[in-house]
Amino acid sequence: MKGKGAKYEFKDGAWSTVPDAKCEKEWYEQAKIITDYVLANGIEGLRSINGQGISKDGATLIDAGVTVKTDAYIEVLKKLYNNFKK
């Protein structure tokens, strides 16, 4: 992804590509941002915005650099987090 895929930005409530810009992180770097957030803050209320990015309120990004498709990843994290917090 890094240097190859399109760069995305979240503006005015929607995702769009940035003209002539490339993705700045590999998918695993993006996934690590999400994982680190969950480990520090918990999983409750975490969701994606239109399938990308992570948010607590559905409108504000926690980290704008994360554009990897996150819906399925968040579900995996919820299962892991809930199993390990016991």
N, C-alpha and C. Protein backbone atom coordinates (compact mmCIF):
# COMPACT_ATOMS: atom_id res chain seq x y z
N MET A 1 0.82 -1.19 0.00
CA MET A 1 0.00 0.00 0.00
C MET A 1 0.87 1.27 0.00
N LYS A 2 1.86 1.31 0.89
CA LYS A 2 2.67 2.51 1.03
C LYS A 2 3.33 2.87 -0.30
N GLY A 3 3.08 4.10 -0.72
CA GLY A 3 3.67 4.58 -1.97
C GLY A 3 2.99 4.08 -3.23
N LYS A 4 2.00 3.20 -3.09
CA LYS A 4 1.34 2.64 -4.27
C LYS A 4 -0.15 2.98 -4.34
N GLY A 5 -0.86 2.71 -3.26
CA GLY A 5 -2.29 2.98 -3.23
C GLY A 5 -2.57 4.47 -3.07
N ALA A 6 -3.79 4.84 -3.32
CA ALA A 6 -4.20 6.24 -3.20
C ALA A 6 -4.19 6.69 -1.75
N LYS A 7 -3.90 7.94 -1.52
CA LYS A 7 -4.01 8.52 -0.19
C LYS A 7 -5.44 9.03 -0.04
N TYR A 8 -6.03 8.77 1.13
CA TYR A 8 -7.38 9.21 1.41
C TYR A 8 -7.38 10.26 2.50
N GLU A 9 -8.40 11.10 2.47
CA GLU A 9 -8.60 12.05 3.55
C GLU A 9 -10.07 12.04 3.93
N PHE A 10 -10.33 12.35 5.18
CA PHE A 10 -11.70 12.40 5.68
C PHE A 10 -12.03 13.87 5.87
N LYS A 11 -12.98 14.35 5.07
CA LYS A 11 -13.31 15.77 5.08
C LYS A 11 -14.81 15.94 4.89
N ASP A 12 -15.40 16.79 5.69
CA ASP A 12 -16.83 17.07 5.60
C ASP A 12 -17.69 15.80 5.67
N GLY A 13 -17.26 14.86 6.53
CA GLY A 13 -18.03 13.65 6.75
C GLY A 13 -17.92 12.57 5.70
N ALA A 14 -16.94 12.68 4.79
CA ALA A 14 -16.80 11.67 3.74
C ALA A 14 -15.33 11.43 3.42
N TRP A 15 -15.05 10.22 2.94
CA TRP A 15 -13.72 9.87 2.49
C TRP A 15 -13.56 10.23 1.02
N SER A 16 -12.39 10.74 0.67
CA SER A 16 -12.08 10.99 -0.74
C SER A 16 -10.58 10.82 -0.95
N THR A 17 -10.19 10.61 -2.17
CA THR A 17 -8.77 10.47 -2.47
C THR A 17 -8.14 11.85 -2.60
N VAL A 18 -6.85 11.89 -2.29
CA VAL A 18 -6.08 13.13 -2.42
C VAL A 18 -5.40 13.07 -3.79
N PRO A 19 -5.69 14.02 -4.67
CA PRO A 19 -5.11 13.98 -6.01
C PRO A 19 -3.58 13.90 -5.98
N ASP A 20 -3.04 13.00 -6.79
CA ASP A 20 -1.60 12.83 -6.97
C ASP A 20 -0.84 12.48 -5.70
N ALA A 21 -1.52 11.94 -4.67
CA ALA A 21 -0.85 11.54 -3.44
C ALA A 21 -1.01 10.04 -3.23
N LYS A 22 -0.01 9.43 -2.62
CA LYS A 22 -0.01 7.99 -2.37
C LYS A 22 -0.14 7.70 -0.88
N CYS A 23 -0.61 6.50 -0.58
CA CYS A 23 -0.75 6.04 0.79
C CYS A 23 0.58 6.15 1.52
N GLU A 24 0.54 6.57 2.77
CA GLU A 24 1.76 6.79 3.54
C GLU A 24 2.10 5.66 4.49
N LYS A 25 1.19 4.71 4.69
CA LYS A 25 1.43 3.60 5.61
C LYS A 25 1.05 2.28 4.96
N GLU A 26 1.77 1.22 5.35
CA GLU A 26 1.40 -0.13 4.96
C GLU A 26 0.17 -0.54 5.77
N TRP A 27 -0.55 -1.57 5.31
CA TRP A 27 -1.77 -1.99 6.01
C TRP A 27 -1.47 -2.39 7.44
N TYR A 28 -0.33 -3.07 7.68
CA TYR A 28 -0.02 -3.52 9.03
C TYR A 28 0.33 -2.34 9.94
N GLU A 29 0.85 -1.26 9.40
CA GLU A 29 1.10 -0.06 10.20
C GLU A 29 -0.23 0.59 10.58
N GLN A 30 -1.18 0.58 9.66
CA GLN A 30 -2.50 1.11 9.95
C GLN A 30 -3.21 0.26 11.00
N ALA A 31 -3.11 -1.07 10.85
CA ALA A 31 -3.74 -1.97 11.82
C ALA A 31 -3.12 -1.79 13.20
N LYS A 32 -1.82 -1.53 13.28
CA LYS A 32 -1.15 -1.31 14.56
C LYS A 32 -1.68 -0.06 15.25
N ILE A 33 -1.98 0.98 14.50
CA ILE A 33 -2.55 2.20 15.10
C ILE A 33 -3.87 1.86 15.78
N ILE A 34 -4.69 1.07 15.11
CA ILE A 34 -5.98 0.68 15.69
C ILE A 34 -5.76 -0.18 16.93
N THR A 35 -4.87 -1.17 16.83
CA THR A 35 -4.60 -2.07 17.95
C THR A 35 -4.06 -1.29 19.15
N ASP A 36 -3.11 -0.40 18.92
CA ASP A 36 -2.55 0.40 20.02
C ASP A 36 -3.62 1.24 20.70
N TYR A 37 -4.53 1.80 19.90
CA TYR A 37 -5.61 2.59 20.47
C TYR A 37 -6.49 1.72 21.37
N VAL A 38 -6.85 0.53 20.89
CA VAL A 38 -7.72 -0.36 21.66
C VAL A 38 -7.03 -0.79 22.95
N LEU A 39 -5.75 -1.12 22.88
CA LEU A 39 -5.03 -1.53 24.08
C LEU A 39 -4.97 -0.41 25.12
N ALA A 40 -4.86 0.82 24.66
CA ALA A 40 -4.77 1.96 25.58
C ALA A 40 -6.13 2.44 26.08
N ASN A 41 -7.18 2.29 25.25
CA ASN A 41 -8.47 2.93 25.56
C ASN A 41 -9.66 1.98 25.63
N GLY A 42 -9.49 0.73 25.27
CA GLY A 42 -10.61 -0.20 25.27
C GLY A 42 -11.32 -0.23 23.92
N ILE A 43 -12.25 -1.14 23.82
CA ILE A 43 -12.94 -1.40 22.54
C ILE A 43 -14.36 -0.84 22.51
N GLU A 44 -14.92 -0.52 23.69
CA GLU A 44 -16.32 -0.08 23.76
C GLU A 44 -16.59 1.13 22.87
N GLY A 45 -17.61 1.01 22.04
CA GLY A 45 -18.04 2.12 21.20
C GLY A 45 -17.21 2.35 19.95
N LEU A 46 -16.15 1.58 19.76
CA LEU A 46 -15.28 1.77 18.60
C LEU A 46 -15.97 1.28 17.34
N ARG A 47 -15.92 2.06 16.29
CA ARG A 47 -16.51 1.65 15.01
C ARG A 47 -15.78 2.37 13.88
N SER A 48 -16.10 1.95 12.67
CA SER A 48 -15.49 2.59 11.51
C SER A 48 -16.43 3.66 10.96
N ILE A 49 -15.90 4.49 10.12
CA ILE A 49 -16.70 5.49 9.41
C ILE A 49 -16.75 5.07 7.96
N ASN A 50 -17.90 4.61 7.51
CA ASN A 50 -18.07 4.11 6.14
C ASN A 50 -17.03 3.05 5.79
N GLY A 51 -16.71 2.18 6.75
CA GLY A 51 -15.80 1.08 6.51
C GLY A 51 -14.33 1.41 6.65
N GLN A 52 -13.98 2.66 6.88
CA GLN A 52 -12.58 3.06 6.98
C GLN A 52 -12.38 3.94 8.20
N GLY A 53 -11.17 3.93 8.74
CA GLY A 53 -10.86 4.77 9.88
C GLY A 53 -11.52 4.26 11.14
N ILE A 54 -11.16 4.81 12.30
CA ILE A 54 -11.78 4.40 13.55
C ILE A 54 -12.32 5.62 14.27
N SER A 55 -13.42 5.41 14.95
CA SER A 55 -14.13 6.51 15.57
C SER A 55 -14.88 6.03 16.81
N LYS A 56 -15.07 6.91 17.77
CA LYS A 56 -15.91 6.63 18.92
C LYS A 56 -17.32 7.18 18.71
N ASP A 57 -17.44 8.20 17.87
CA ASP A 57 -18.75 8.83 17.68
C ASP A 57 -19.34 8.66 16.28
N GLY A 58 -18.61 7.99 15.39
CA GLY A 58 -19.10 7.77 14.04
C GLY A 58 -18.88 8.93 13.10
N ALA A 59 -18.28 10.02 13.58
CA ALA A 59 -18.06 11.18 12.73
C ALA A 59 -16.64 11.73 12.83
N THR A 60 -15.99 11.55 13.98
CA THR A 60 -14.67 12.11 14.21
C THR A 60 -13.64 11.00 14.21
N LEU A 61 -12.61 11.13 13.39
CA LEU A 61 -11.56 10.12 13.33
C LEU A 61 -10.66 10.18 14.55
N ILE A 62 -10.25 9.01 15.00
CA ILE A 62 -9.26 8.92 16.07
C ILE A 62 -7.88 9.16 15.46
N ASP A 63 -7.64 8.61 14.29
CA ASP A 63 -6.38 8.84 13.58
C ASP A 63 -6.68 8.89 12.10
N ALA A 64 -6.46 10.04 11.48
CA ALA A 64 -6.80 10.21 10.06
C ALA A 64 -5.90 9.39 9.16
N GLY A 65 -4.78 8.89 9.68
CA GLY A 65 -3.88 8.09 8.84
C GLY A 65 -4.36 6.68 8.61
N VAL A 66 -5.39 6.26 9.31
CA VAL A 66 -5.87 4.88 9.19
C VAL A 66 -7.03 4.82 8.21
N THR A 67 -6.76 4.27 7.04
CA THR A 67 -7.82 4.13 6.04
C THR A 67 -8.03 2.69 5.62
N VAL A 68 -7.26 1.78 6.23
CA VAL A 68 -7.47 0.37 5.94
C VAL A 68 -8.92 0.03 6.27
N LYS A 69 -9.53 -0.84 5.48
CA LYS A 69 -10.92 -1.23 5.76
C LYS A 69 -10.99 -1.85 7.15
N THR A 70 -11.76 -1.27 8.03
CA THR A 70 -11.66 -1.62 9.44
C THR A 70 -12.83 -2.40 10.02
N ASP A 71 -13.94 -2.53 9.37
CA ASP A 71 -15.10 -3.19 9.97
C ASP A 71 -14.77 -4.59 10.49
N ALA A 72 -14.20 -5.44 9.66
CA ALA A 72 -13.88 -6.81 10.08
C ALA A 72 -12.77 -6.80 11.11
N TYR A 73 -11.80 -5.92 10.97
CA TYR A 73 -10.69 -5.85 11.92
C TYR A 73 -11.19 -5.46 13.31
N ILE A 74 -12.10 -4.53 13.38
CA ILE A 74 -12.66 -4.12 14.67
C ILE A 74 -13.39 -5.29 15.32
N GLU A 75 -14.11 -6.09 14.56
CA GLU A 75 -14.80 -7.25 15.11
C GLU A 75 -13.82 -8.25 15.70
N VAL A 76 -12.69 -8.49 15.02
CA VAL A 76 -11.66 -9.39 15.53
C VAL A 76 -11.09 -8.83 16.83
N LEU A 77 -10.80 -7.53 16.85
CA LEU A 77 -10.27 -6.91 18.06
C LEU A 77 -11.24 -7.01 19.23
N LYS A 78 -12.53 -6.82 18.96
CA LYS A 78 -13.53 -6.93 20.03
C LYS A 78 -13.49 -8.32 20.65
N LYS A 79 -13.43 -9.35 19.81
CA LYS A 79 -13.40 -10.72 20.31
C LYS A 79 -12.13 -10.96 21.13
N LEU A 80 -10.99 -10.54 20.61
CA LEU A 80 -9.73 -10.70 21.33
C LEU A 80 -9.74 -9.93 22.64
N TYR A 81 -10.11 -8.67 22.57
CA TYR A 81 -10.10 -7.81 23.76
C TYR A 81 -11.01 -8.38 24.84
N ASN A 82 -12.20 -8.78 24.47
CA ASN A 82 -13.15 -9.32 25.45
C ASN A 82 -12.66 -10.62 26.06
N ASN A 83 -11.94 -11.44 25.30
CA ASN A 83 -11.40 -12.69 25.83
C ASN A 83 -10.24 -12.46 26.80
N PHE A 84 -9.43 -11.45 26.54
CA PHE A 84 -8.23 -11.22 27.36
C PHE A 84 -8.47 -10.32 28.55
N LYS A 85 -9.55 -9.56 28.58
CA LYS A 85 -9.77 -8.67 29.70
C LYS A 85 -10.37 -9.38 30.91
N LYS A 86 -10.75 -10.64 30.73
CA LYS A 86 -11.39 -11.42 31.82
C LYS A 86 -10.40 -11.77 32.89
